[in-house]
């Protein structure tokens, strides 16, 4: 007999545990201010579930603390595009300039590689 993975007791257990992390705010290490509301979350959960959060969050934090971009192994244009959005959202002018420059270089160099 094959069971749908969504009805697995282990998966339901995990969903409850991770959901409890969100509602209880235990171990939360990041806060989002949206209008007058504040939401807490866990950056590892966000990064594990979303490449966008991963690209924005870790790269932006690295820049804020180190004043440099982290090494990006692959998909640099993807990371820079999302980081540019985050830099604009959080008013990080220097980071915006760096991202724009990297994206310009990527577009300029890949443009000439098209057969």
PDB file of N, CA and C in Angstrom:
ATOM      1  N   UNK A   1       0.827  -1.179   0.000  1.00  0.00           N
ATOM      2  CA  UNK A   1       0.000   0.000   0.000  1.00  0.00           C
ATOM      3  C   UNK A   1       0.880   1.254   0.000  1.00  0.00           C
ATOM      4  N   UNK A   2       0.581   2.160  -0.882  1.00  0.00           N
ATOM      5  CA  UNK A   2       1.300   3.421  -0.966  1.00  0.00           C
ATOM      6  C   UNK A   2       0.482   4.514  -0.288  1.00  0.00           C
ATOM      7  N   UNK A   3       1.164   5.276   0.548  1.00  0.00           N
ATOM      8  CA  UNK A   3       0.472   6.376   1.223  1.00  0.00           C
ATOM      9  C   UNK A   3       0.980   7.689   0.682  1.00  0.00           C
ATOM     10  N   UNK A   4       0.095   8.618   0.571  1.00  0.00           N
ATOM     11  CA  UNK A   4       0.456   9.966   0.162  1.00  0.00           C
ATOM     12  C   UNK A   4       1.388  10.546   1.229  1.00  0.00           C
ATOM     13  N   UNK A   5       2.536  11.109   0.806  1.00  0.00           N
ATOM     14  CA  UNK A   5       3.515  11.616   1.773  1.00  0.00           C
ATOM     15  C   UNK A   5       2.947  12.759   2.613  1.00  0.00           C
ATOM     16  N   UNK A   6       1.921  13.443   2.116  1.00  0.00           N
ATOM     17  CA  UNK A   6       1.338  14.546   2.894  1.00  0.00           C
ATOM     18  C   UNK A   6       0.563  14.040   4.096  1.00  0.00           C
ATOM     19  N   UNK A   7       0.178  12.768   4.101  1.00  0.00           N
ATOM     20  CA  UNK A   7      -0.580  12.240   5.230  1.00  0.00           C
ATOM     21  C   UNK A   7       0.305  11.433   6.175  1.00  0.00           C
ATOM     22  N   UNK A   8       1.591  11.463   5.953  1.00  0.00           N
ATOM     23  CA  UNK A   8       2.522  10.724   6.795  1.00  0.00           C
ATOM     24  C   UNK A   8       2.523  11.293   8.218  1.00  0.00           C
ATOM     25  N   UNK A   9       2.434  10.407   9.214  1.00  0.00           N
ATOM     26  CA  UNK A   9       2.486  10.890  10.604  1.00  0.00           C
ATOM     27  C   UNK A   9       3.788  11.625  10.912  1.00  0.00           C
ATOM     28  N   UNK A  10       4.895  11.177  10.323  1.00  0.00           N
ATOM     29  CA  UNK A  10       6.170  11.850  10.578  1.00  0.00           C
ATOM     30  C   UNK A  10       6.173  13.262  10.003  1.00  0.00           C
ATOM     31  N   UNK A  11       5.627  13.429   8.816  1.00  0.00           N
ATOM     32  CA  UNK A  11       5.559  14.749   8.210  1.00  0.00           C
ATOM     33  C   UNK A  11       4.627  15.664   8.995  1.00  0.00           C
ATOM     34  N   UNK A  12       3.493  15.135   9.417  1.00  0.00           N
ATOM     35  CA  UNK A  12       2.572  15.937  10.223  1.00  0.00           C
ATOM     36  C   UNK A  12       3.242  16.371  11.516  1.00  0.00           C
ATOM     37  N   UNK A  13       4.006  15.474  12.127  1.00  0.00           N
ATOM     38  CA  UNK A  13       4.739  15.788  13.346  1.00  0.00           C
ATOM     39  C   UNK A  13       5.733  16.925  13.094  1.00  0.00           C
ATOM     40  N   UNK A  14       6.472  16.834  11.983  1.00  0.00           N
ATOM     41  CA  UNK A  14       7.453  17.858  11.657  1.00  0.00           C
ATOM     42  C   UNK A  14       6.757  19.194  11.406  1.00  0.00           C
ATOM     43  N   UNK A  15       5.643  19.169  10.681  1.00  0.00           N
ATOM     44  CA  UNK A  15       4.906  20.403  10.422  1.00  0.00           C
ATOM     45  C   UNK A  15       4.455  21.047  11.725  1.00  0.00           C
ATOM     46  N   UNK A  16       4.005  20.233  12.668  1.00  0.00           N
ATOM     47  CA  UNK A  16       3.569  20.768  13.961  1.00  0.00           C
ATOM     48  C   UNK A  16       4.745  21.377  14.719  1.00  0.00           C
ATOM     49  N   UNK A  17       5.883  20.697  14.707  1.00  0.00           N
ATOM     50  CA  UNK A  17       7.054  21.193  15.435  1.00  0.00           C
ATOM     51  C   UNK A  17       7.576  22.500  14.834  1.00  0.00           C
ATOM     52  N   UNK A  18       7.687  22.545  13.521  1.00  0.00           N
ATOM     53  CA  UNK A  18       8.179  23.763  12.874  1.00  0.00           C
ATOM     54  C   UNK A  18       7.145  24.881  13.014  1.00  0.00           C
ATOM     55  N   UNK A  19       5.874  24.546  12.896  1.00  0.00           N
ATOM     56  CA  UNK A  19       4.820  25.540  13.111  1.00  0.00           C
ATOM     57  C   UNK A  19       4.864  26.102  14.523  1.00  0.00           C
ATOM     58  N   UNK A  20       5.170  25.230  15.482  1.00  0.00           N
ATOM     59  CA  UNK A  20       5.280  25.674  16.875  1.00  0.00           C
ATOM     60  C   UNK A  20       6.448  26.653  17.044  1.00  0.00           C
ATOM     61  N   UNK A  21       7.541  26.425  16.325  1.00  0.00           N
ATOM     62  CA  UNK A  21       8.659  27.371  16.379  1.00  0.00           C
ATOM     63  C   UNK A  21       8.199  28.771  15.970  1.00  0.00           C
ATOM     64  N   UNK A  22       7.386  28.835  14.933  1.00  0.00           N
ATOM     65  CA  UNK A  22       6.899  30.128  14.461  1.00  0.00           C
ATOM     66  C   UNK A  22       5.970  30.784  15.473  1.00  0.00           C
ATOM     67  N   UNK A  23       4.996  30.031  15.967  1.00  0.00           N
ATOM     68  CA  UNK A  23       4.001  30.628  16.865  1.00  0.00           C
ATOM     69  C   UNK A  23       4.560  30.917  18.253  1.00  0.00           C
ATOM     70  N   UNK A  24       5.496  30.090  18.715  1.00  0.00           N
ATOM     71  CA  UNK A  24       6.059  30.298  20.057  1.00  0.00           C
ATOM     72  C   UNK A  24       7.191  31.315  20.059  1.00  0.00           C
ATOM     73  N   UNK A  25       7.796  31.536  18.905  1.00  0.00           N
ATOM     74  CA  UNK A  25       8.931  32.443  18.742  1.00  0.00           C
ATOM     75  C   UNK A  25      10.181  31.968  19.463  1.00  0.00           C
ATOM     76  N   UNK A  26      10.206  30.725  19.914  1.00  0.00           N
ATOM     77  CA  UNK A  26      11.378  30.168  20.580  1.00  0.00           C
ATOM     78  C   UNK A  26      12.536  30.105  19.593  1.00  0.00           C
ATOM     79  N   UNK A  27      13.658  30.686  19.958  1.00  0.00           N
ATOM     80  CA  UNK A  27      14.851  30.649  19.120  1.00  0.00           C
ATOM     81  C   UNK A  27      14.810  31.559  17.905  1.00  0.00           C
ATOM     82  N   UNK A  28      13.792  32.393  17.794  1.00  0.00           N
ATOM     83  CA  UNK A  28      13.708  33.301  16.646  1.00  0.00           C
ATOM     84  C   UNK A  28      14.912  34.227  16.649  1.00  0.00           C
ATOM     85  N   UNK A  29      15.493  34.437  15.469  1.00  0.00           N
ATOM     86  CA  UNK A  29      16.696  35.260  15.404  1.00  0.00           C
ATOM     87  C   UNK A  29      16.646  36.347  14.329  1.00  0.00           C
ATOM     88  N   UNK A  30      15.452  36.569  13.787  1.00  0.00           N
ATOM     89  CA  UNK A  30      15.291  37.651  12.828  1.00  0.00           C
ATOM     90  C   UNK A  30      13.888  38.229  12.997  1.00  0.00           C
ATOM     91  N   UNK A  31      13.779  39.538  12.819  1.00  0.00           N
ATOM     92  CA  UNK A  31      12.484  40.205  12.955  1.00  0.00           C
ATOM     93  C   UNK A  31      12.196  40.997  11.688  1.00  0.00           C
ATOM     94  N   UNK A  32      10.933  40.984  11.273  1.00  0.00           N
ATOM     95  CA  UNK A  32      10.490  41.760  10.125  1.00  0.00           C
ATOM     96  C   UNK A  32       9.466  42.768  10.610  1.00  0.00           C
ATOM     97  N   UNK A  33       9.703  44.024  10.319  1.00  0.00           N
ATOM     98  CA  UNK A  33       8.767  45.079  10.667  1.00  0.00           C
ATOM     99  C   UNK A  33       7.973  45.391   9.409  1.00  0.00           C
ATOM    100  N   UNK A  34       6.685  45.121   9.443  1.00  0.00           N
ATOM    101  CA  UNK A  34       5.805  45.384   8.304  1.00  0.00           C
ATOM    102  C   UNK A  34       4.714  46.318   8.798  1.00  0.00           C
ATOM    103  N   UNK A  35       4.849  47.577   8.411  1.00  0.00           N
ATOM    104  CA  UNK A  35       3.910  48.571   8.924  1.00  0.00           C
ATOM    105  C   UNK A  35       4.055  48.658  10.432  1.00  0.00           C
ATOM    106  N   UNK A  36       2.968  48.412  11.138  1.00  0.00           N
ATOM    107  CA  UNK A  36       2.993  48.472  12.602  1.00  0.00           C
ATOM    108  C   UNK A  36       3.179  47.099  13.233  1.00  0.00           C
ATOM    109  N   UNK A  37       3.241  46.054  12.412  1.00  0.00           N
ATOM    110  CA  UNK A  37       3.384  44.698  12.947  1.00  0.00           C
ATOM    111  C   UNK A  37       4.822  44.214  12.864  1.00  0.00           C
ATOM    112  N   UNK A  38       5.222  43.412  13.842  1.00  0.00           N
ATOM    113  CA  UNK A  38       6.538  42.803  13.864  1.00  0.00           C
ATOM    114  C   UNK A  38       6.376  41.288  13.823  1.00  0.00           C
ATOM    115  N   UNK A  39       7.109  40.658  12.932  1.00  0.00           N
ATOM    116  CA  UNK A  39       7.084  39.203  12.805  1.00  0.00           C
ATOM    117  C   UNK A  39       8.464  38.662  13.121  1.00  0.00           C
ATOM    118  N   UNK A  40       8.521  37.613  13.902  1.00  0.00           N
ATOM    119  CA  UNK A  40       9.789  36.970  14.194  1.00  0.00           C
ATOM    120  C   UNK A  40       9.873  35.659  13.429  1.00  0.00           C
ATOM    121  N   UNK A  41      11.109  35.268  13.114  1.00  0.00           N
ATOM    122  CA  UNK A  41      11.309  34.037  12.353  1.00  0.00           C
ATOM    123  C   UNK A  41      12.700  33.482  12.648  1.00  0.00           C
ATOM    124  N   UNK A  42      13.011  32.400  11.993  1.00  0.00           N
ATOM    125  CA  UNK A  42      14.289  31.707  12.152  1.00  0.00           C
ATOM    126  C   UNK A  42      14.992  31.720  10.804  1.00  0.00           C
ATOM    127  N   UNK A  43      16.125  32.414  10.728  1.00  0.00           N
ATOM    128  CA  UNK A  43      16.771  32.587   9.426  1.00  0.00           C
ATOM    129  C   UNK A  43      17.167  31.266   8.784  1.00  0.00           C
ATOM    130  N   UNK A  44      17.496  30.255   9.563  1.00  0.00           N
ATOM    131  CA  UNK A  44      17.842  28.960   8.964  1.00  0.00           C
ATOM    132  C   UNK A  44      16.637  28.313   8.294  1.00  0.00           C
ATOM    133  N   UNK A  45      15.468  28.446   8.901  1.00  0.00           N
ATOM    134  CA  UNK A  45      14.248  27.898   8.286  1.00  0.00           C
ATOM    135  C   UNK A  45      13.938  28.677   7.014  1.00  0.00           C
ATOM    136  N   UNK A  46      14.041  29.989   7.064  1.00  0.00           N
ATOM    137  CA  UNK A  46      13.788  30.810   5.884  1.00  0.00           C
ATOM    138  C   UNK A  46      14.749  30.447   4.746  1.00  0.00           C
ATOM    139  N   UNK A  47      16.010  30.322   5.075  1.00  0.00           N
ATOM    140  CA  UNK A  47      17.007  30.002   4.060  1.00  0.00           C
ATOM    141  C   UNK A  47      16.825  28.592   3.505  1.00  0.00           C
ATOM    142  N   UNK A  48      16.431  27.659   4.363  1.00  0.00           N
ATOM    143  CA  UNK A  48      16.225  26.284   3.906  1.00  0.00           C
ATOM    144  C   UNK A  48      15.022  26.178   2.976  1.00  0.00           C
ATOM    145  N   UNK A  49      14.031  27.009   3.180  1.00  0.00           N
ATOM    146  CA  UNK A  49      12.796  26.920   2.405  1.00  0.00           C
ATOM    147  C   UNK A  49      12.762  27.829   1.178  1.00  0.00           C
ATOM    148  N   UNK A  50      13.650  28.833   1.128  1.00  0.00           N
ATOM    149  CA  UNK A  50      13.563  29.805   0.042  1.00  0.00           C
ATOM    150  C   UNK A  50      14.947  30.272  -0.400  1.00  0.00           C
ATOM    151  N   UNK A  51      15.279  30.046  -1.657  1.00  0.00           N
ATOM    152  CA  UNK A  51      16.546  30.539  -2.190  1.00  0.00           C
ATOM    153  C   UNK A  51      16.599  32.061  -2.185  1.00  0.00           C
ATOM    154  N   UNK A  52      15.450  32.698  -2.307  1.00  0.00           N
ATOM    155  CA  UNK A  52      15.406  34.157  -2.295  1.00  0.00           C
ATOM    156  C   UNK A  52      15.809  34.677  -0.920  1.00  0.00           C
ATOM    157  N   UNK A  53      15.209  34.126   0.130  1.00  0.00           N
ATOM    158  CA  UNK A  53      15.600  34.532   1.483  1.00  0.00           C
ATOM    159  C   UNK A  53      17.075  34.236   1.722  1.00  0.00           C
ATOM    160  N   UNK A  54      17.499  33.084   1.272  1.00  0.00           N
ATOM    161  CA  UNK A  54      18.899  32.698   1.460  1.00  0.00           C
ATOM    162  C   UNK A  54      19.820  33.712   0.797  1.00  0.00           C
ATOM    163  N   UNK A  55      19.543  34.035  -0.448  1.00  0.00           N
ATOM    164  CA  UNK A  55      20.381  34.983  -1.175  1.00  0.00           C
ATOM    165  C   UNK A  55      20.346  36.356  -0.528  1.00  0.00           C
ATOM    166  N   UNK A  56      19.164  36.837  -0.236  1.00  0.00           N
ATOM    167  CA  UNK A  56      19.029  38.168   0.349  1.00  0.00           C
ATOM    168  C   UNK A  56      19.595  38.236   1.756  1.00  0.00           C
ATOM    169  N   UNK A  57      19.143  37.325   2.588  1.00  0.00           N
ATOM    170  CA  UNK A  57      19.454  37.413   4.013  1.00  0.00           C
ATOM    171  C   UNK A  57      20.932  37.231   4.316  1.00  0.00           C
ATOM    172  N   UNK A  58      21.503  36.131   3.874  1.00  0.00           N
ATOM    173  CA  UNK A  58      22.894  35.873   4.223  1.00  0.00           C
ATOM    174  C   UNK A  58      23.855  36.845   3.539  1.00  0.00           C
ATOM    175  N   UNK A  59      23.605  37.151   2.286  1.00  0.00           N
ATOM    176  CA  UNK A  59      24.486  38.076   1.584  1.00  0.00           C
ATOM    177  C   UNK A  59      24.374  39.484   2.168  1.00  0.00           C
ATOM    178  N   UNK A  60      23.160  39.902   2.489  1.00  0.00           N
ATOM    179  CA  UNK A  60      22.965  41.232   3.054  1.00  0.00           C
ATOM    180  C   UNK A  60      23.605  41.335   4.441  1.00  0.00           C
ATOM    181  N   UNK A  61      23.402  40.332   5.270  1.00  0.00           N
ATOM    182  CA  UNK A  61      24.017  40.357   6.596  1.00  0.00           C
ATOM    183  C   UNK A  61      25.544  40.354   6.495  1.00  0.00           C
ATOM    184  N   UNK A  62      26.054  39.569   5.585  1.00  0.00           N
ATOM    185  CA  UNK A  62      27.509  39.535   5.386  1.00  0.00           C
ATOM    186  C   UNK A  62      28.003  40.930   4.997  1.00  0.00           C
ATOM    187  N   UNK A  63      27.302  41.577   4.084  1.00  0.00           N
ATOM    188  CA  UNK A  63      27.708  42.917   3.664  1.00  0.00           C
ATOM    189  C   UNK A  63      27.633  43.907   4.821  1.00  0.00           C
ATOM    190  N   UNK A  64      26.554  43.874   5.569  1.00  0.00           N
ATOM    191  CA  UNK A  64      26.378  44.824   6.673  1.00  0.00           C
ATOM    192  C   UNK A  64      27.500  44.677   7.707  1.00  0.00           C
ATOM    193  N   UNK A  65      27.859  43.444   8.016  1.00  0.00           N
ATOM    194  CA  UNK A  65      28.889  43.212   9.030  1.00  0.00           C
ATOM    195  C   UNK A  65      30.311  43.351   8.481  1.00  0.00           C
ATOM    196  N   UNK A  66      30.539  42.936   7.240  1.00  0.00           N
ATOM    197  CA  UNK A  66      31.897  42.853   6.703  1.00  0.00           C
ATOM    198  C   UNK A  66      32.215  43.920   5.653  1.00  0.00           C
ATOM    199  N   UNK A  67      31.211  44.650   5.187  1.00  0.00           N
ATOM    200  CA  UNK A  67      31.366  45.639   4.130  1.00  0.00           C
ATOM    201  C   UNK A  67      31.963  45.033   2.861  1.00  0.00           C
ATOM    202  N   UNK A  68      31.597  43.788   2.628  1.00  0.00           N
ATOM    203  CA  UNK A  68      32.005  43.108   1.399  1.00  0.00           C
ATOM    204  C   UNK A  68      30.958  42.057   1.072  1.00  0.00           C
ATOM    205  N   UNK A  69      30.980  41.605  -0.168  1.00  0.00           N
ATOM    206  CA  UNK A  69      30.042  40.561  -0.565  1.00  0.00           C
ATOM    207  C   UNK A  69      30.623  39.194  -0.237  1.00  0.00           C
ATOM    208  N   UNK A  70      29.778  38.252   0.124  1.00  0.00           N
ATOM    209  CA  UNK A  70      30.279  36.896   0.347  1.00  0.00           C
ATOM    210  C   UNK A  70      30.655  36.251  -0.980  1.00  0.00           C
ATOM    211  N   UNK A  71      31.467  35.216  -0.932  1.00  0.00           N
ATOM    212  CA  UNK A  71      31.786  34.470  -2.149  1.00  0.00           C
ATOM    213  C   UNK A  71      30.528  33.772  -2.626  1.00  0.00           C
ATOM    214  N   UNK A  72      30.262  33.913  -3.897  1.00  0.00           N
ATOM    215  CA  UNK A  72      29.085  33.289  -4.501  1.00  0.00           C
ATOM    216  C   UNK A  72      29.588  32.248  -5.487  1.00  0.00           C
ATOM    217  N   UNK A  73      29.336  30.972  -5.185  1.00  0.00           N
ATOM    218  CA  UNK A  73      29.844  29.888  -6.018  1.00  0.00           C
ATOM    219  C   UNK A  73      29.144  29.803  -7.363  1.00  0.00           C
ATOM    220  N   UNK A  74      27.819  29.924  -7.341  1.00  0.00           N
ATOM    221  CA  UNK A  74      27.071  29.805  -8.592  1.00  0.00           C
ATOM    222  C   UNK A  74      25.882  30.752  -8.543  1.00  0.00           C
ATOM    223  N   UNK A  75      25.284  30.961  -9.681  1.00  0.00           N
ATOM    224  CA  UNK A  75      24.106  31.829  -9.790  1.00  0.00           C
ATOM    225  C   UNK A  75      24.352  33.227  -9.236  1.00  0.00           C
ATOM    226  N   UNK A  76      25.525  33.778  -9.542  1.00  0.00           N
ATOM    227  CA  UNK A  76      25.852  35.099  -9.006  1.00  0.00           C
ATOM    228  C   UNK A  76      24.844  36.159  -9.447  1.00  0.00           C
ATOM    229  N   UNK A  77      24.404  36.089 -10.693  1.00  0.00           N
ATOM    230  CA  UNK A  77      23.436  37.076 -11.175  1.00  0.00           C
ATOM    231  C   UNK A  77      22.124  36.967 -10.392  1.00  0.00           C
ATOM    232  N   UNK A  78      21.700  35.743 -10.092  1.00  0.00           N
ATOM    233  CA  UNK A  78      20.491  35.518  -9.300  1.00  0.00           C
ATOM    234  C   UNK A  78      20.647  36.160  -7.920  1.00  0.00           C
ATOM    235  N   UNK A  79      21.768  35.901  -7.283  1.00  0.00           N
ATOM    236  CA  UNK A  79      22.022  36.447  -5.944  1.00  0.00           C
ATOM    237  C   UNK A  79      22.082  37.972  -5.997  1.00  0.00           C
ATOM    238  N   UNK A  80      22.801  38.521  -6.971  1.00  0.00           N
ATOM    239  CA  UNK A  80      22.935  39.975  -7.070  1.00  0.00           C
ATOM    240  C   UNK A  80      21.595  40.651  -7.346  1.00  0.00           C
ATOM    241  N   UNK A  81      20.763  40.042  -8.169  1.00  0.00           N
ATOM    242  CA  UNK A  81      19.456  40.633  -8.462  1.00  0.00           C
ATOM    243  C   UNK A  81      18.598  40.702  -7.205  1.00  0.00           C
ATOM    244  N   UNK A  82      18.574  39.630  -6.439  1.00  0.00           N
ATOM    245  CA  UNK A  82      17.776  39.626  -5.212  1.00  0.00           C
ATOM    246  C   UNK A  82      18.404  40.496  -4.131  1.00  0.00           C
ATOM    247  N   UNK A  83      19.715  40.529  -4.116  1.00  0.00           N
ATOM    248  CA  UNK A  83      20.401  41.382  -3.142  1.00  0.00           C
ATOM    249  C   UNK A  83      20.177  42.855  -3.463  1.00  0.00           C
ATOM    250  N   UNK A  84      20.088  43.183  -4.740  1.00  0.00           N
ATOM    251  CA  UNK A  84      19.783  44.560  -5.133  1.00  0.00           C
ATOM    252  C   UNK A  84      18.407  44.973  -4.616  1.00  0.00           C
ATOM    253  N   UNK A  85      17.451  44.086  -4.706  1.00  0.00           N
ATOM    254  CA  UNK A  85      16.105  44.368  -4.188  1.00  0.00           C
ATOM    255  C   UNK A  85      16.165  44.602  -2.684  1.00  0.00           C
ATOM    256  N   UNK A  86      16.890  43.740  -1.973  1.00  0.00           N
ATOM    257  CA  UNK A  86      17.020  43.897  -0.514  1.00  0.00           C
ATOM    258  C   UNK A  86      17.755  45.188  -0.168  1.00  0.00           C
ATOM    259  N   UNK A  87      18.810  45.504  -0.906  1.00  0.00           N
ATOM    260  CA  UNK A  87      19.572  46.728  -0.650  1.00  0.00           C
ATOM    261  C   UNK A  87      18.692  47.962  -0.843  1.00  0.00           C
ATOM    262  N   UNK A  88      17.844  47.916  -1.854  1.00  0.00           N
ATOM    263  CA  UNK A  88      16.928  49.023  -2.080  1.00  0.00           C
ATOM    264  C   UNK A  88      15.902  49.104  -0.948  1.00  0.00           C
ATOM    265  N   UNK A  89      15.371  47.962  -0.558  1.00  0.00           N
ATOM    266  CA  UNK A  89      14.357  47.912   0.502  1.00  0.00           C
ATOM    267  C   UNK A  89      14.904  48.455   1.818  1.00  0.00           C
ATOM    268  N   UNK A  90      16.173  48.141   2.125  1.00  0.00           N
ATOM    269  CA  UNK A  90      16.748  48.540   3.413  1.00  0.00           C
ATOM    270  C   UNK A  90      17.684  49.750   3.298  1.00  0.00           C
ATOM    271  N   UNK A  91      17.628  50.443   2.148  1.00  0.00           N
ATOM    272  CA  UNK A  91      18.353  51.698   1.957  1.00  0.00           C
ATOM    273  C   UNK A  91      19.860  51.551   2.189  1.00  0.00           C
ATOM    274  N   UNK A  92      20.445  50.545   1.569  1.00  0.00           N
ATOM    275  CA  UNK A  92      21.890  50.322   1.647  1.00  0.00           C
ATOM    276  C   UNK A  92      22.500  50.771   0.314  1.00  0.00           C
ATOM    277  N   UNK A  93      22.789  52.068   0.221  1.00  0.00           N
ATOM    278  CA  UNK A  93      23.205  52.669  -1.050  1.00  0.00           C
ATOM    279  C   UNK A  93      24.478  52.046  -1.613  1.00  0.00           C
ATOM    280  N   UNK A  94      25.480  51.842  -0.788  1.00  0.00           N
ATOM    281  CA  UNK A  94      26.740  51.258  -1.281  1.00  0.00           C
ATOM    282  C   UNK A  94      26.505  49.853  -1.832  1.00  0.00           C
ATOM    283  N   UNK A  95      25.705  49.065  -1.140  1.00  0.00           N
ATOM    284  CA  UNK A  95      25.402  47.714  -1.610  1.00  0.00           C
ATOM    285  C   UNK A  95      24.643  47.765  -2.934  1.00  0.00           C
ATOM    286  N   UNK A  96      23.742  48.708  -3.079  1.00  0.00           N
ATOM    287  CA  UNK A  96      23.015  48.864  -4.346  1.00  0.00           C
ATOM    288  C   UNK A  96      23.987  49.129  -5.493  1.00  0.00           C
ATOM    289  N   UNK A  97      24.940  50.018  -5.271  1.00  0.00           N
ATOM    290  CA  UNK A  97      25.920  50.332  -6.321  1.00  0.00           C
ATOM    291  C   UNK A  97      26.749  49.111  -6.692  1.00  0.00           C
ATOM    292  N   UNK A  98      27.163  48.354  -5.700  1.00  0.00           N
ATOM    293  CA  UNK A  98      27.967  47.148  -5.957  1.00  0.00           C
ATOM    294  C   UNK A  98      27.151  46.128  -6.753  1.00  0.00           C
ATOM    295  N   UNK A  99      25.914  45.911  -6.351  1.00  0.00           N
ATOM    296  CA  UNK A  99      25.049  44.955  -7.051  1.00  0.00           C
ATOM    297  C   UNK A  99      24.791  45.385  -8.489  1.00  0.00           C
ATOM    298  N   UNK A 100      24.516  46.664  -8.686  1.00  0.00           N
ATOM    299  CA  UNK A 100      24.283  47.172 -10.036  1.00  0.00           C
ATOM    300  C   UNK A 100      25.512  46.969 -10.914  1.00  0.00           C
ATOM    301  N   UNK A 101      26.684  47.240 -10.354  1.00  0.00           N
ATOM    302  CA  UNK A 101      27.919  47.067 -11.099  1.00  0.00           C
ATOM    303  C   UNK A 101      28.138  45.601 -11.484  1.00  0.00           C
ATOM    304  N   UNK A 102      27.903  44.700 -10.533  1.00  0.00           N
ATOM    305  CA  UNK A 102      28.069  43.262 -10.814  1.00  0.00           C
ATOM    306  C   UNK A 102      27.065  42.795 -11.868  1.00  0.00           C
ATOM    307  N   UNK A 103      25.824  43.258 -11.770  1.00  0.00           N
ATOM    308  CA  UNK A 103      24.812  42.876 -12.755  1.00  0.00           C
ATOM    309  C   UNK A 103      25.145  43.446 -14.132  1.00  0.00           C
ATOM    310  N   UNK A 104      25.619  44.678 -14.182  1.00  0.00           N
ATOM    311  CA  UNK A 104      26.017  45.267 -15.458  1.00  0.00           C
ATOM    312  C   UNK A 104      27.133  44.440 -16.089  1.00  0.00           C
ATOM    313  N   UNK A 105      28.131  44.096 -15.303  1.00  0.00           N
ATOM    314  CA  UNK A 105      29.247  43.284 -15.805  1.00  0.00           C
ATOM    315  C   UNK A 105      28.748  41.929 -16.300  1.00  0.00           C
ATOM    316  N   UNK A 106      27.855  41.313 -15.552  1.00  0.00           N
ATOM    317  CA  UNK A 106      27.295  40.015 -15.959  1.00  0.00           C
ATOM    318  C   UNK A 106      26.543  40.144 -17.285  1.00  0.00           C
ATOM    319  N   UNK A 107      25.703  41.147 -17.401  1.00  0.00           N
ATOM    320  CA  UNK A 107      24.915  41.342 -18.626  1.00  0.00           C
ATOM    321  C   UNK A 107      25.837  41.659 -19.803  1.00  0.00           C
ATOM    322  N   UNK A 108      26.803  42.516 -19.577  1.00  0.00           N
ATOM    323  CA  UNK A 108      27.716  42.912 -20.647  1.00  0.00           C
ATOM    324  C   UNK A 108      28.550  41.737 -21.136  1.00  0.00           C
ATOM    325  N   UNK A 109      29.061  40.923 -20.219  1.00  0.00           N
ATOM    326  CA  UNK A 109      29.931  39.810 -20.634  1.00  0.00           C
ATOM    327  C   UNK A 109      29.135  38.650 -21.224  1.00  0.00           C
ATOM    328  N   UNK A 110      27.943  38.380 -20.700  1.00  0.00           N
ATOM    329  CA  UNK A 110      27.152  37.276 -21.260  1.00  0.00           C
ATOM    330  C   UNK A 110      26.503  37.669 -22.570  1.00  0.00           C
ATOM    331  N   UNK A 111      26.292  38.934 -22.773  1.00  0.00           N
ATOM    332  CA  UNK A 111      25.676  39.402 -24.025  1.00  0.00           C
ATOM    333  C   UNK A 111      26.527  39.007 -25.219  1.00  0.00           C
ATOM    334  N   UNK A 112      27.828  39.058 -25.072  1.00  0.00           N
ATOM    335  CA  UNK A 112      28.734  38.763 -26.177  1.00  0.00           C
ATOM    336  C   UNK A 112      29.020  37.279 -26.317  1.00  0.00           C
ATOM    337  N   UNK A 113      28.501  36.456 -25.417  1.00  0.00           N
ATOM    338  CA  UNK A 113      28.724  35.019 -25.496  1.00  0.00           C
ATOM    339  C   UNK A 113      27.575  34.294 -26.205  1.00  0.00           C
ATOM    340  N   UNK A 114      26.543  35.002 -26.577  1.00  0.00           N
ATOM    341  CA  UNK A 114      25.387  34.380 -27.231  1.00  0.00           C
ATOM    342  C   UNK A 114      25.779  34.039 -28.669  1.00  0.00           C
ATOM    343  N   UNK A 115      25.562  32.781 -29.096  1.00  0.00           N
ATOM    344  CA  UNK A 115      25.954  32.384 -30.465  1.00  0.00           C
ATOM    345  C   UNK A 115      25.069  33.017 -31.513  1.00  0.00           C
TER     346      UNK A 115
END
